[in-house]
């Protein structure tokens, strides 16, 4: 049983870990794409705001204003390069002066120059984007956005989420293990011991009495060490080792049930031990006669209830001390 619980816990951990992995990947991709789109849209919007100034300065050949606008554009977050290409793919102006007059002949620049509208293209890797917009027929403004910081931040976030979900899966698996022990293993062991004990003991009225008292032995007044209770059990053992009665009820000297057996539930509504007979039956004759016996346990009482012939037998020891009451009933044929 314990081996099965361990296997169950391990399967639970593996299943949770796999499920968490796919959930993390799904959340990571979803949030990463949203962040990239927001970053691209924000950068493009800022470029579009400043581009009219660059276009006006370029057409007026106002180099100071053009340099200032290019510098402003390069300061935008995620923008790493800003430059203007002429029709021959030469750089007219660049935010890095060392790249002035340099020629770019790659297809991405050819596409940017050939386009008559704004154009977004992946640049060198998935981390970079080239955004271009024409100034006039002979020049195009180009901006390169780097999304590398966003990718790096989300990689760290994903690793942290992996660690968190791993720990969560482990905690849940441990909880499953201990709950399984509490809910299944302990009751299983208790039942197994109880069945093993019953297999070793001969099935007699006395052994059943001992077992029932032991299982429900939570109150002080049901302690088997009580002398009168011992004597009562010994009497049952000697006189009723085996019986075939339809009703067999043993009460202590206070009329509490310590053993009961009612085949058709004629006398007892509740077949529980350690409860008073008043709480177990609604039969007035039984209650009245038991009350009389408790007050004056001198003689056997015989009564007929429905199709039963019932004997209420007061039990005393050799010292004439009242020990309890035996109720025996058999069907009237």
Protein backbone atom coordinates (compact mmCIF):
# COMPACT_ATOMS: atom_id res chain seq x y z
CA UNK A 1 0.00 0.00 0.00
CA UNK A 2 2.77 2.44 0.91
CA UNK A 3 4.60 1.57 -2.31
CA UNK A 4 1.46 2.45 -4.28
CA UNK A 5 1.19 5.78 -2.46
CA UNK A 6 4.82 6.60 -3.32
CA UNK A 7 4.19 5.74 -6.99
CA UNK A 8 1.03 7.87 -6.94
CA UNK A 9 2.96 10.83 -5.49
CA UNK A 10 5.72 10.49 -8.09
CA UNK A 11 3.19 10.30 -10.93
CA UNK A 12 1.46 13.35 -9.50
CA UNK A 13 4.78 15.25 -9.41
CA UNK A 14 5.72 14.29 -13.00
CA UNK A 15 2.24 15.13 -14.32
CA UNK A 16 2.21 18.49 -12.56
CA UNK A 17 5.76 19.30 -13.71
CA UNK A 18 4.89 18.57 -17.36
CA UNK A 19 1.65 20.53 -17.12
CA UNK A 20 3.43 23.47 -15.47
CA UNK A 21 6.13 23.41 -18.17
CA UNK A 22 3.60 23.81 -20.99
CA UNK A 23 1.69 26.46 -19.04
CA UNK A 24 4.89 28.45 -18.45
CA UNK A 25 5.82 28.22 -22.13
CA UNK A 26 2.35 29.34 -23.16
CA UNK A 27 2.34 32.30 -20.76
CA UNK A 28 5.94 33.19 -21.71
CA UNK A 29 5.25 33.28 -25.45
CA UNK A 30 2.01 35.19 -24.99
CA UNK A 31 3.51 37.87 -22.73
CA UNK A 32 6.72 38.13 -24.78
CA UNK A 33 4.81 38.75 -28.01
CA UNK A 34 2.64 41.37 -26.33
CA UNK A 35 5.68 43.16 -24.90
CA UNK A 36 7.49 43.09 -28.26
CA UNK A 37 4.45 44.46 -30.08
CA UNK A 38 4.05 47.24 -27.52
CA UNK A 39 7.77 48.13 -27.74
CA UNK A 40 7.66 48.18 -31.55
CA UNK A 41 4.49 50.28 -31.65
CA UNK A 42 5.87 52.74 -29.11
CA UNK A 43 9.19 53.16 -30.93
CA UNK A 44 7.48 53.51 -34.34
CA UNK A 45 5.08 56.11 -32.94
CA UNK A 46 7.97 58.19 -31.58
CA UNK A 47 9.87 57.92 -34.88
CA UNK A 48 6.73 59.02 -36.75
CA UNK A 49 6.44 62.04 -34.45
CA UNK A 50 10.02 63.20 -35.03
CA UNK A 51 10.29 62.19 -38.72
CA UNK A 52 8.52 65.33 -40.07
CA UNK A 53 11.22 67.47 -38.44
CA UNK A 54 13.93 65.31 -40.04
CA UNK A 55 12.19 65.47 -43.42
CA UNK A 56 11.87 69.29 -43.26
CA UNK A 57 15.51 69.72 -42.18
CA UNK A 58 16.71 67.33 -44.88
CA UNK A 59 14.78 69.08 -47.67
CA UNK A 60 15.99 72.52 -46.50
CA UNK A 61 19.54 71.16 -46.13
CA UNK A 62 19.56 72.46 -42.57
CA UNK A 63 22.40 70.28 -41.29
CA UNK A 64 22.28 71.52 -37.68
CA UNK A 65 18.57 70.85 -37.29
CA UNK A 66 18.97 67.53 -39.08
CA UNK A 67 21.77 66.42 -36.77
CA UNK A 68 19.76 67.51 -33.74
CA UNK A 69 16.68 65.56 -34.89
CA UNK A 70 18.75 62.46 -35.70
CA UNK A 71 20.32 62.67 -32.24
CA UNK A 72 16.89 63.00 -30.61
CA UNK A 73 15.69 59.96 -32.52
CA UNK A 74 18.69 57.87 -31.46
CA UNK A 75 17.88 58.61 -27.79
CA UNK A 76 14.54 56.84 -28.02
CA UNK A 77 14.44 53.62 -26.00
CA UNK A 78 15.17 50.49 -28.09
CA UNK A 79 16.54 52.59 -31.02
CA UNK A 80 20.20 51.71 -31.68
CA UNK A 81 20.79 53.24 -35.12
CA UNK A 82 19.27 56.11 -37.09
CA UNK A 83 20.46 57.05 -40.57
CA UNK A 84 19.38 58.32 -44.01
CA UNK A 85 20.09 56.31 -47.16
CA UNK A 86 20.33 57.95 -50.59
CA UNK A 87 19.27 56.33 -53.87
CA UNK A 88 22.75 54.77 -54.27
CA UNK A 89 22.45 53.11 -50.80
CA UNK A 90 25.05 55.46 -49.35
CA UNK A 91 24.56 56.82 -45.84
CA UNK A 92 24.00 60.55 -45.99
CA UNK A 93 23.87 60.99 -42.23
CA UNK A 94 24.10 58.62 -39.27
CA UNK A 95 23.87 59.04 -35.49
CA UNK A 96 27.36 57.48 -35.44
CA UNK A 97 29.64 59.82 -37.43
CA UNK A 98 32.11 56.98 -38.17
CA UNK A 99 29.52 55.42 -40.49
CA UNK A 100 28.90 58.45 -42.66
CA UNK A 101 29.32 57.91 -46.41
CA UNK A 102 29.35 54.18 -45.89
CA UNK A 103 27.48 52.08 -48.47
CA UNK A 104 24.93 49.39 -47.50
CA UNK A 105 24.13 47.03 -50.34
CA UNK A 106 22.26 44.25 -48.49
CA UNK A 107 18.80 43.29 -49.70
CA UNK A 108 17.15 44.67 -46.59
CA UNK A 109 18.40 48.17 -47.47
CA UNK A 110 17.46 47.69 -51.13
CA UNK A 111 13.93 46.81 -50.03
CA UNK A 112 13.80 49.81 -47.71
CA UNK A 113 14.92 52.16 -50.48
CA UNK A 114 12.59 50.64 -53.06
CA UNK A 115 9.52 50.83 -50.85
CA UNK A 116 7.28 53.84 -51.37
CA UNK A 117 5.65 53.39 -47.96
CA UNK A 118 6.67 52.67 -44.37
CA UNK A 119 8.26 49.23 -44.05
CA UNK A 120 9.14 46.98 -41.07
CA UNK A 121 11.67 44.18 -41.62
CA UNK A 122 13.52 41.71 -39.35
CA UNK A 123 17.12 42.85 -39.15
CA UNK A 124 19.99 40.31 -38.78
CA UNK A 125 18.17 38.41 -35.97
CA UNK A 126 14.77 38.14 -34.40
CA UNK A 127 16.00 40.56 -31.73
CA UNK A 128 16.29 43.52 -34.15
CA UNK A 129 13.87 45.30 -36.49
CA UNK A 130 14.52 47.80 -39.32
CA UNK A 131 11.85 50.47 -39.70
CA UNK A 132 12.07 52.65 -42.83
CA UNK A 133 9.99 55.51 -44.22
CA UNK A 134 10.68 57.48 -47.40
CA UNK A 135 11.65 61.15 -47.16
CA UNK A 136 11.52 61.73 -50.89
CA UNK A 137 12.34 59.79 -54.07
CA UNK A 138 16.06 59.95 -53.37
CA UNK A 139 16.26 59.38 -49.60
CA UNK A 140 14.84 57.07 -46.93
CA UNK A 141 14.96 57.45 -43.15
CA UNK A 142 15.93 54.17 -41.41
CA UNK A 143 15.75 53.26 -37.71
CA UNK A 144 16.96 50.00 -36.20
CA UNK A 145 15.16 48.86 -33.01
CA UNK A 146 16.82 46.38 -30.64
CA UNK A 147 14.48 44.11 -28.65
CA UNK A 148 17.31 42.21 -27.01
CA UNK A 149 16.65 43.69 -23.53
CA UNK A 150 13.04 42.50 -23.66
CA UNK A 151 14.10 38.96 -24.62
CA UNK A 152 16.71 38.87 -21.82
CA UNK A 153 14.25 40.14 -19.19
CA UNK A 154 11.69 37.54 -20.18
CA UNK A 155 14.27 34.74 -20.16
CA UNK A 156 15.09 35.56 -16.53
CA UNK A 157 11.36 35.80 -15.75
CA UNK A 158 10.76 32.40 -17.38
CA UNK A 159 13.56 30.75 -15.36
CA UNK A 160 12.10 32.15 -12.12
CA UNK A 161 8.67 30.88 -13.12
CA UNK A 162 10.12 27.42 -13.88
CA UNK A 163 11.68 27.29 -10.41
CA UNK A 164 8.45 28.44 -8.75
CA UNK A 165 6.29 25.88 -10.59
CA UNK A 166 8.82 23.11 -9.82
CA UNK A 167 8.65 23.91 -6.10
CA UNK A 168 4.85 24.16 -6.27
CA UNK A 169 4.61 20.75 -7.98
CA UNK A 170 6.90 19.26 -5.33
CA UNK A 171 4.83 20.73 -2.47
CA UNK A 172 1.57 19.46 -3.99
CA UNK A 173 3.08 15.98 -4.46
CA UNK A 174 4.23 15.90 -0.82
CA UNK A 175 0.73 16.95 0.29
CA UNK A 176 -0.77 14.17 -1.85
CA UNK A 177 1.64 11.68 -0.22
CA UNK A 178 0.75 12.61 3.36
CA UNK A 179 -2.97 12.95 2.65
CA UNK A 180 -2.94 9.48 1.07
CA UNK A 181 -1.24 8.10 4.18
CA UNK A 182 -3.76 9.84 6.42
CA UNK A 183 -6.87 8.94 4.44
CA UNK A 184 -5.95 5.50 3.05
CA UNK A 185 -2.85 3.90 4.59
CA UNK A 186 -3.66 4.39 8.28
CA UNK A 187 -7.29 3.16 7.97
CA UNK A 188 -5.99 0.25 5.87
CA UNK A 189 -3.41 -0.74 8.53
CA UNK A 190 -5.99 -0.35 11.31
CA UNK A 191 -8.50 -2.50 9.43
CA UNK A 192 -5.83 -5.07 8.62
CA UNK A 193 -4.82 -5.35 12.29
CA UNK A 194 -8.44 -5.61 13.33
CA UNK A 195 -9.13 -8.37 10.78
CA UNK A 196 -5.95 -10.16 11.79
CA UNK A 197 -7.01 -10.05 15.44
CA UNK A 198 -10.44 -11.41 14.56
CA UNK A 199 -8.91 -14.25 12.56
CA UNK A 200 -6.85 -15.33 15.55
CA UNK A 201 -9.69 -15.14 18.06
CA UNK A 202 -12.48 -17.71 18.10
CA UNK A 203 -15.79 -16.14 17.06
CA UNK A 204 -17.73 -16.21 20.31
CA UNK A 205 -20.03 -13.80 22.06
CA UNK A 206 -17.22 -12.99 24.47
CA UNK A 207 -14.67 -12.18 21.73
CA UNK A 208 -17.24 -9.98 19.94
CA UNK A 209 -17.96 -8.18 23.18
CA UNK A 210 -14.27 -7.57 23.82
CA UNK A 211 -13.74 -6.25 20.28
CA UNK A 212 -16.74 -3.92 20.38
CA UNK A 213 -15.79 -2.53 23.77
CA UNK A 214 -12.15 -2.07 22.68
CA UNK A 215 -13.08 -0.23 19.46
CA UNK A 216 -15.40 2.17 21.29
CA UNK A 217 -13.37 2.42 24.48
CA UNK A 218 -13.11 6.22 24.49
CA UNK A 219 -15.11 6.97 27.65
CA UNK A 220 -14.07 6.21 31.20
CA UNK A 221 -17.30 4.39 32.05
CA UNK A 222 -16.56 1.80 29.30
CA UNK A 223 -13.16 0.79 30.68
CA UNK A 224 -12.71 -3.00 30.58
CA UNK A 225 -10.80 -2.85 33.87
CA UNK A 226 -14.04 -2.10 35.66
CA UNK A 227 -14.65 -5.06 37.95
CA UNK A 228 -18.39 -5.26 37.45
CA UNK A 229 -18.02 -5.12 33.69
CA UNK A 230 -15.46 -7.93 33.84
CA UNK A 231 -17.81 -10.04 35.89
CA UNK A 232 -20.65 -9.32 33.47
CA UNK A 233 -18.52 -10.39 30.50
CA UNK A 234 -17.43 -13.54 32.32
CA UNK A 235 -21.07 -14.38 32.99
CA UNK A 236 -21.92 -13.97 29.29
CA UNK A 237 -18.94 -16.18 28.41
CA UNK A 238 -19.99 -18.99 30.71
CA UNK A 239 -23.73 -18.90 30.11
CA UNK A 240 -24.01 -17.81 26.48
CA UNK A 241 -20.93 -19.05 24.71
CA UNK A 242 -23.06 -19.65 21.65
CA UNK A 243 -26.57 -18.49 20.97
CA UNK A 244 -29.14 -18.47 18.19
CA UNK A 245 -31.46 -15.80 19.57
CA UNK A 246 -33.03 -13.22 17.29
CA UNK A 247 -32.40 -10.49 19.87
CA UNK A 248 -29.41 -10.45 22.20
CA UNK A 249 -28.69 -7.27 24.16
CA UNK A 250 -26.33 -6.79 27.10
CA UNK A 251 -26.77 -3.75 29.37
CA UNK A 252 -24.52 -2.67 32.22
CA UNK A 253 -25.89 -1.79 35.67
CA UNK A 254 -26.85 1.73 34.44
CA UNK A 255 -28.78 0.35 31.43
CA UNK A 256 -26.15 1.37 28.89
CA UNK A 257 -25.67 -0.96 25.94
CA UNK A 258 -22.35 -2.81 25.82
CA UNK A 259 -23.40 -5.36 23.21
CA UNK A 260 -26.44 -5.58 20.96
CA UNK A 261 -27.82 -7.79 18.24
CA UNK A 262 -31.33 -7.26 16.82
CA UNK A 263 -31.88 -9.11 13.53
CA UNK A 264 -35.09 -7.37 12.43
CA UNK A 265 -34.64 -4.17 14.46
CA UNK A 266 -37.79 -4.88 16.41
CA UNK A 267 -36.52 -3.53 19.74
CA UNK A 268 -33.63 -1.25 18.80
CA UNK A 269 -33.69 1.74 16.48
CA UNK A 270 -29.97 2.28 17.00
CA UNK A 271 -27.64 -0.69 17.33
CA UNK A 272 -24.77 1.24 18.91
CA UNK A 273 -22.90 0.55 22.12
CA UNK A 274 -22.20 2.92 25.00
CA UNK A 275 -25.59 4.62 24.66
CA UNK A 276 -28.46 4.35 27.13
CA UNK A 277 -31.25 1.96 26.22
CA UNK A 278 -33.71 4.89 26.37
CA UNK A 279 -31.87 6.46 23.39
CA UNK A 280 -31.83 3.20 21.43
CA UNK A 281 -35.47 2.08 21.60
CA UNK A 282 -38.93 3.64 21.45
CA UNK A 283 -40.66 0.65 23.02
CA UNK A 284 -42.33 1.83 26.24
CA UNK A 285 -42.68 -1.69 27.70
CA UNK A 286 -38.94 -2.32 27.39
CA UNK A 287 -38.04 1.03 28.96
CA UNK A 288 -40.51 0.66 31.86
CA UNK A 289 -39.47 -2.89 32.69
CA UNK A 290 -35.74 -2.10 32.48
CA UNK A 291 -36.28 0.86 34.83
CA UNK A 292 -38.00 -1.47 37.30
CA UNK A 293 -35.17 -4.01 37.10
CA UNK A 294 -32.50 -1.31 37.63
CA UNK A 295 -34.36 -0.17 40.75
CA UNK A 296 -35.12 -3.71 41.96
CA UNK A 297 -33.10 -6.41 40.11
CA UNK A 298 -34.76 -9.42 41.66
CA UNK A 299 -36.65 -11.37 39.01
CA UNK A 300 -36.78 -12.15 35.30
CA UNK A 301 -39.40 -10.24 33.29
CA UNK A 302 -41.15 -11.89 30.34
CA UNK A 303 -42.98 -9.76 27.77
CA UNK A 304 -44.29 -10.24 24.25
CA UNK A 305 -43.48 -7.56 21.66
CA UNK A 306 -44.94 -7.99 18.19
CA UNK A 307 -43.84 -11.50 17.14
CA UNK A 308 -41.09 -11.76 19.77
CA UNK A 309 -41.02 -13.41 23.15
CA UNK A 310 -38.59 -11.28 25.15
CA UNK A 311 -36.87 -12.13 28.47
CA UNK A 312 -35.28 -9.41 30.58
CA UNK A 313 -32.77 -11.12 32.87
CA UNK A 314 -31.04 -9.23 35.72
CA UNK A 315 -27.48 -10.46 36.25
CA UNK A 316 -25.85 -10.58 39.68
CA UNK A 317 -22.55 -11.90 40.97
CA UNK A 318 -21.95 -14.25 43.87
CA UNK A 319 -21.99 -11.30 46.28
CA UNK A 320 -25.46 -10.39 45.03
CA UNK A 321 -24.18 -7.20 43.39
CA UNK A 322 -26.21 -6.06 40.38
CA UNK A 323 -24.00 -6.28 37.25
CA UNK A 324 -26.36 -5.62 34.38
CA UNK A 325 -29.30 -6.82 32.30
CA UNK A 326 -29.48 -9.41 29.55
CA UNK A 327 -32.27 -9.04 26.99
CA UNK A 328 -32.99 -12.17 24.95
CA UNK A 329 -35.71 -12.40 22.35
CA UNK A 330 -36.91 -15.12 20.00
CA UNK A 331 -39.60 -15.27 17.38
CA UNK A 332 -42.95 -16.70 18.41
CA UNK A 333 -43.74 -19.64 16.15
